[in-house]
Amino acid sequence: MDRIIGAFEGKEKGPLIILIGGLHGNEVTGIKAIDHVFRKIEREGLKVRGKIVGLRGNNKAIARKTRYIDYDLNRCWTDAHLRKVSNSHILFAEDEELLELNQIFEELSSYEATQKICADLHTTSSDNGNFIVVPETTADHPVINALKLPLILDLEKHIKGTLLKYLTGKGYLAFAFEGGLIGSEVAVQLHIAGIWEILLTSGAIAPAQINGIMQIGTLLQTFASELPHKLRVRHHYWITEEDNFRMKPGYMNFQKVRSGEIIAEDRNGPIQIPQDGLIFMPLYQRSGNDGFFVVEELDPLRKINLP
């Protein structure tokens, strides 16, 4: 399976934009969205400033339609782990994926760009999963604001080894773009709209070239209209495979929860919410180490209208 979905480089200086789908192998809506946008750019001969690159993340896991094979490819992006893997004679499945992706990043590091942007496209196992994960230091960047979706600030402080944190350290505007429920067509459409906003706001493609530009922003705004604006993590419930963690059915992102509310169970019994807040990324799939998060709203610009 080809690592590179496509690439465009214009004659005029501009941004370097990297779009990644499938870093988790069961989340392929981002790949479909990148392919859709790239086909339109090629078909209509759109003029590009700078360079745009689309990448597949975990090819081996994509082929098996699973989140990962040996370990999570979005929990291993540290200099220490890269050094370890680079010097190892025995490679796990994700070791090879990591090295191939990092080689591409290193090759692109010499590209002279006006700014460097990486959007890591994901989906969630629970409904209402339309949001952006971004460091607080870059939360007010025009590209982030253009996406209009709820912003989860500093999640990378609770989840170690994310691609977001790694590339932020390399000078990128790096963020995770969650498009919705895993496998849904709605998530594909939201990712498509978001990619266009990234390309237009960054200056990679001039707005005059795009028909229906108003509809792009309207779709994103529609999904964000009843959701919080900015949020911060207050609790992270970490799990292992041996815990036999099971969420109670019916919870969705940004749903209100109360201290003491039983929302899941594991081999040790019921699991209670430790404080009032909003549930975030409740886990409804077998793989993964993040059972759920509790977040709080920081900037109540939008009314929460959820059960």
Foldseek 3Di string as FASTA:
>chain_A
DDFWLDKDEAPAAFEEEEEEFCLFLLFHLSVVLVNVLVVVCVVLVFGFHGMYTYGYAQVVSVVVNGRHDPDRLFQQADPVSLVVLVPDPDDDSSSVRNVVVVVVVVVCLPRDHPAYAYEYEGEAQFFLFFEKEFAPVCCPPQLNVLLVAAYEHPVCVVGHRGPQVNVVVVRHRYMYGYQGHRPDPSSSLSSNLSVVSNCPRRVRGPPVSDPPNVVSSVSSCVSHQQAFHYKYFDDWQWADLQFQKDFDPDAHWFQWDAFQDFGIATPVGTDTDHHTATKHRQHDDNDDTTRITGMHGDDGPHHHDDD
